[in-house]
Amino acid sequence: YNGWEPYQYRTWKGASDLEPGMVKWLHFAGGYGHLRYWPLQWQPVPFDRGIRVAVAKLD
């Protein structure tokens, strides 16, 4: 996930349309009852999030 929305781009294709990364192997498991793969719940791993920080010069 990142903070760039699709409407900020001319073609409405944002930076979060494709996110390369490792996948959780349990997301590919299936048929065991409690382990199921849901395509809409996929997320890349490890995930890095952009955050804001306040930077100030120390005297």
N, C-alpha and C. Protein backbone atom coordinates (compact mmCIF):
# COMPACT_ATOMS: atom_id res chain seq x y z
N TYR A 1 0.83 -1.18 0.00
CA TYR A 1 0.00 0.00 0.00
C TYR A 1 0.87 1.24 0.00
N ASN A 2 0.44 2.23 -0.73
CA ASN A 2 1.11 3.53 -0.68
C ASN A 2 0.06 4.62 -0.80
N GLY A 3 0.47 5.83 -0.65
CA GLY A 3 -0.48 6.94 -0.62
C GLY A 3 -0.79 7.56 -1.97
N TRP A 4 -0.35 6.94 -3.05
CA TRP A 4 -0.60 7.51 -4.37
C TRP A 4 -1.91 6.97 -4.91
N GLU A 5 -2.86 7.84 -5.13
CA GLU A 5 -4.17 7.44 -5.63
C GLU A 5 -4.18 7.45 -7.15
N PRO A 6 -4.98 6.56 -7.79
CA PRO A 6 -5.01 6.49 -9.25
C PRO A 6 -5.42 7.80 -9.92
N TYR A 7 -6.26 8.60 -9.29
CA TYR A 7 -6.70 9.83 -9.93
C TYR A 7 -5.58 10.87 -10.04
N GLN A 8 -4.45 10.62 -9.41
CA GLN A 8 -3.32 11.54 -9.51
C GLN A 8 -2.53 11.32 -10.80
N TYR A 9 -2.85 10.29 -11.55
CA TYR A 9 -2.13 9.96 -12.77
C TYR A 9 -3.01 10.22 -13.98
N ARG A 10 -2.38 10.52 -15.08
CA ARG A 10 -3.10 10.82 -16.31
C ARG A 10 -3.91 9.62 -16.80
N THR A 11 -3.36 8.42 -16.69
CA THR A 11 -4.04 7.21 -17.18
C THR A 11 -4.82 6.47 -16.10
N TRP A 12 -4.91 7.02 -14.92
CA TRP A 12 -5.60 6.41 -13.78
C TRP A 12 -4.99 5.06 -13.40
N LYS A 13 -3.72 4.88 -13.65
CA LYS A 13 -3.01 3.67 -13.23
C LYS A 13 -1.99 4.08 -12.19
N GLY A 14 -2.30 3.84 -10.94
CA GLY A 14 -1.46 4.29 -9.85
C GLY A 14 -0.30 3.35 -9.56
N ALA A 15 0.52 3.77 -8.63
CA ALA A 15 1.70 2.99 -8.27
C ALA A 15 1.34 1.73 -7.50
N SER A 16 0.15 1.65 -6.96
CA SER A 16 -0.24 0.46 -6.20
C SER A 16 -0.95 -0.59 -7.05
N ASP A 17 -1.04 -0.39 -8.35
CA ASP A 17 -1.68 -1.40 -9.20
C ASP A 17 -0.89 -2.70 -9.22
N LEU A 18 0.42 -2.60 -9.18
CA LEU A 18 1.27 -3.77 -9.18
C LEU A 18 2.33 -3.57 -8.11
N GLU A 19 2.39 -4.48 -7.16
CA GLU A 19 3.37 -4.38 -6.10
C GLU A 19 4.16 -5.68 -6.04
N PRO A 20 5.38 -5.69 -6.55
CA PRO A 20 6.18 -6.90 -6.49
C PRO A 20 6.62 -7.19 -5.06
N GLY A 21 6.80 -8.42 -4.76
CA GLY A 21 7.26 -8.78 -3.43
C GLY A 21 7.02 -10.26 -3.17
N MET A 22 7.47 -10.69 -2.03
CA MET A 22 7.28 -12.08 -1.65
C MET A 22 5.82 -12.29 -1.27
N VAL A 23 5.34 -13.48 -1.46
CA VAL A 23 3.96 -13.79 -1.08
C VAL A 23 3.98 -14.65 0.17
N LYS A 24 2.88 -14.63 0.89
CA LYS A 24 2.73 -15.52 2.04
C LYS A 24 2.38 -16.90 1.51
N TRP A 25 3.19 -17.88 1.86
CA TRP A 25 2.98 -19.22 1.31
C TRP A 25 1.67 -19.83 1.78
N LEU A 26 1.18 -19.43 2.94
CA LEU A 26 -0.11 -19.96 3.40
C LEU A 26 -1.26 -19.51 2.52
N HIS A 27 -1.06 -18.41 1.79
CA HIS A 27 -2.12 -17.96 0.90
C HIS A 27 -2.33 -18.92 -0.27
N PHE A 28 -1.33 -19.74 -0.56
CA PHE A 28 -1.48 -20.72 -1.64
C PHE A 28 -2.00 -22.06 -1.13
N ALA A 29 -2.07 -22.24 0.17
CA ALA A 29 -2.55 -23.50 0.74
C ALA A 29 -4.07 -23.58 0.61
N GLY A 30 -4.54 -24.75 0.42
CA GLY A 30 -5.99 -24.91 0.29
C GLY A 30 -6.42 -26.34 0.58
N GLY A 31 -7.69 -26.50 0.85
CA GLY A 31 -8.22 -27.83 1.07
C GLY A 31 -8.02 -28.36 2.48
N TYR A 32 -7.54 -27.54 3.39
CA TYR A 32 -7.30 -28.00 4.75
C TYR A 32 -8.31 -27.43 5.74
N GLY A 33 -9.35 -26.81 5.27
CA GLY A 33 -10.37 -26.28 6.16
C GLY A 33 -10.05 -24.89 6.67
N HIS A 34 -9.06 -24.78 7.55
CA HIS A 34 -8.75 -23.48 8.13
C HIS A 34 -7.77 -22.67 7.27
N LEU A 35 -7.11 -23.30 6.32
CA LEU A 35 -6.19 -22.59 5.43
C LEU A 35 -6.85 -22.43 4.07
N ARG A 36 -7.16 -21.22 3.70
CA ARG A 36 -7.80 -20.97 2.42
C ARG A 36 -7.14 -19.78 1.75
N TYR A 37 -7.10 -19.81 0.45
CA TYR A 37 -6.56 -18.69 -0.33
C TYR A 37 -7.71 -17.86 -0.86
N TRP A 38 -7.73 -16.59 -0.51
CA TRP A 38 -8.73 -15.65 -1.02
C TRP A 38 -8.01 -14.64 -1.89
N PRO A 39 -8.30 -14.58 -3.18
CA PRO A 39 -7.57 -13.66 -4.07
C PRO A 39 -7.63 -12.20 -3.64
N LEU A 40 -8.70 -11.77 -3.02
CA LEU A 40 -8.81 -10.36 -2.65
C LEU A 40 -8.10 -10.04 -1.35
N GLN A 41 -7.58 -11.04 -0.65
CA GLN A 41 -6.88 -10.79 0.60
C GLN A 41 -5.38 -10.95 0.46
N TRP A 42 -4.87 -11.00 -0.75
CA TRP A 42 -3.43 -11.15 -0.97
C TRP A 42 -2.72 -9.86 -0.61
N GLN A 43 -1.56 -9.99 -0.02
CA GLN A 43 -0.73 -8.82 0.24
C GLN A 43 0.73 -9.21 0.11
N PRO A 44 1.56 -8.31 -0.39
CA PRO A 44 2.98 -8.61 -0.51
C PRO A 44 3.66 -8.64 0.86
N VAL A 45 4.69 -9.45 0.97
CA VAL A 45 5.44 -9.57 2.22
C VAL A 45 6.91 -9.55 1.88
N PRO A 46 7.79 -8.90 2.52
CA PRO A 46 7.53 -7.97 3.60
C PRO A 46 6.96 -6.67 3.06
N PHE A 47 6.18 -6.03 3.86
CA PHE A 47 5.56 -4.80 3.39
C PHE A 47 6.21 -3.60 4.06
N ASP A 48 6.52 -2.61 3.27
CA ASP A 48 7.06 -1.35 3.76
C ASP A 48 6.00 -0.29 3.56
N ARG A 49 5.82 0.52 4.53
CA ARG A 49 4.82 1.58 4.43
C ARG A 49 5.52 2.93 4.50
N GLY A 50 5.07 3.82 3.64
CA GLY A 50 5.58 5.17 3.70
C GLY A 50 4.95 5.90 4.88
N ILE A 51 5.77 6.53 5.68
CA ILE A 51 5.26 7.26 6.83
C ILE A 51 5.83 8.67 6.82
N ARG A 52 5.16 9.56 7.51
CA ARG A 52 5.64 10.92 7.65
C ARG A 52 6.39 11.06 8.96
N VAL A 53 7.47 11.81 8.92
CA VAL A 53 8.23 12.09 10.13
C VAL A 53 8.50 13.57 10.21
N ALA A 54 8.61 14.07 11.40
CA ALA A 54 8.96 15.48 11.61
C ALA A 54 10.46 15.56 11.86
N VAL A 55 11.14 16.40 11.10
CA VAL A 55 12.58 16.57 11.24
C VAL A 55 12.84 18.00 11.68
N ALA A 56 13.61 18.13 12.74
CA ALA A 56 13.94 19.46 13.25
C ALA A 56 15.42 19.51 13.61
N LYS A 57 16.04 20.63 13.37
CA LYS A 57 17.45 20.81 13.70
C LYS A 57 17.60 21.04 15.20
N LEU A 58 18.53 20.32 15.81
CA LEU A 58 18.78 20.48 17.24
C LEU A 58 19.83 21.55 17.46
N ASP A 59 19.64 22.35 18.49
CA ASP A 59 20.63 23.38 18.82
C ASP A 59 21.69 22.85 19.75
